[in-house]
Amino acid sequence: MNVKVKEVWARLRMMRRRDSGMVTSEYAMGIVAAVGFALLLYEVVTSGQVRAELQAIVKRALSARM
């Protein structure tokens, strides 16, 4: 029975040692991609046509009768 316990502990240690996360370079690339997407989204939302549409939606929502 002592041998079985040792085998289970050995398996648990091996499972814990697996590298399932991102490395630093992957984090850096993920951050660069997220910043790029955020800039693109900011440019779209602050463009004239989209800004006018968003303002119209807000005005309609605020002037709606309940």
Protein backbone atom coordinates (compact mmCIF):
# COMPACT_ATOMS: atom_id res chain seq x y z
CA MET A 1 0.00 0.00 0.00
CA ASN A 2 2.90 2.35 0.70
CA VAL A 3 4.10 1.85 -2.89
CA LYS A 4 0.67 2.92 -4.23
CA VAL A 5 0.75 6.12 -2.17
CA LYS A 6 4.20 6.95 -3.52
CA GLU A 7 3.01 6.35 -7.09
CA VAL A 8 0.02 8.63 -6.60
CA TRP A 9 2.21 11.39 -5.13
CA ALA A 10 4.66 11.03 -8.02
CA ARG A 11 1.82 11.42 -10.55
CA LEU A 12 0.44 14.44 -8.73
CA ARG A 13 3.85 16.11 -8.73
CA MET A 14 4.26 15.48 -12.46
CA MET A 15 0.81 16.91 -13.18
CA ARG A 16 1.60 20.01 -11.14
CA ARG A 17 4.86 20.60 -13.02
CA ARG A 18 3.21 20.82 -16.44
CA ASP A 19 3.61 24.22 -18.06
CA SER A 20 0.14 25.23 -19.16
CA GLY A 21 0.54 29.02 -19.07
CA MET A 22 1.93 31.57 -21.46
CA VAL A 23 5.54 32.61 -21.47
CA THR A 24 6.65 36.23 -21.29
CA SER A 25 6.91 36.67 -25.06
CA GLU A 26 3.36 35.38 -25.48
CA TYR A 27 2.13 37.84 -22.86
CA ALA A 28 3.91 40.66 -24.70
CA MET A 29 2.35 39.70 -28.03
CA GLY A 30 -1.07 39.42 -26.39
CA ILE A 31 -0.72 42.89 -24.88
CA VAL A 32 0.39 44.37 -28.21
CA ALA A 33 -2.59 42.77 -29.96
CA ALA A 34 -5.00 44.00 -27.27
CA VAL A 35 -3.66 47.55 -27.49
CA GLY A 36 -3.93 47.48 -31.28
CA PHE A 37 -7.53 46.29 -31.08
CA ALA A 38 -8.34 48.94 -28.46
CA LEU A 39 -6.90 51.68 -30.69
CA LEU A 40 -8.88 50.45 -33.67
CA LEU A 41 -12.08 50.33 -31.62
CA TYR A 42 -11.40 53.83 -30.26
CA GLU A 43 -10.92 55.20 -33.78
CA VAL A 44 -14.17 53.62 -34.96
CA VAL A 45 -16.22 54.81 -31.99
CA THR A 46 -14.86 58.37 -32.15
CA SER A 47 -15.38 58.73 -35.90
CA GLY A 48 -17.96 61.32 -36.94
CA GLN A 49 -20.65 59.02 -38.28
CA VAL A 50 -20.53 56.55 -35.38
CA ARG A 51 -20.43 59.37 -32.84
CA ALA A 52 -23.54 60.93 -34.38
CA GLU A 53 -25.38 57.60 -34.33
CA LEU A 54 -24.45 56.96 -30.70
CA GLN A 55 -25.62 60.45 -29.72
CA ALA A 56 -28.92 59.87 -31.52
CA ILE A 57 -29.42 56.58 -29.67
CA VAL A 58 -28.72 58.25 -26.32
CA LYS A 59 -31.08 61.14 -27.12
CA ARG A 60 -33.87 58.73 -28.06
CA ALA A 61 -33.29 56.71 -24.90
CA LEU A 62 -33.35 59.80 -22.68
CA SER A 63 -36.45 61.27 -24.31
CA ALA A 64 -38.45 58.04 -24.18
CA ARG A 65 -41.64 58.16 -22.13
CA MET A 66 -42.12 55.57 -19.43
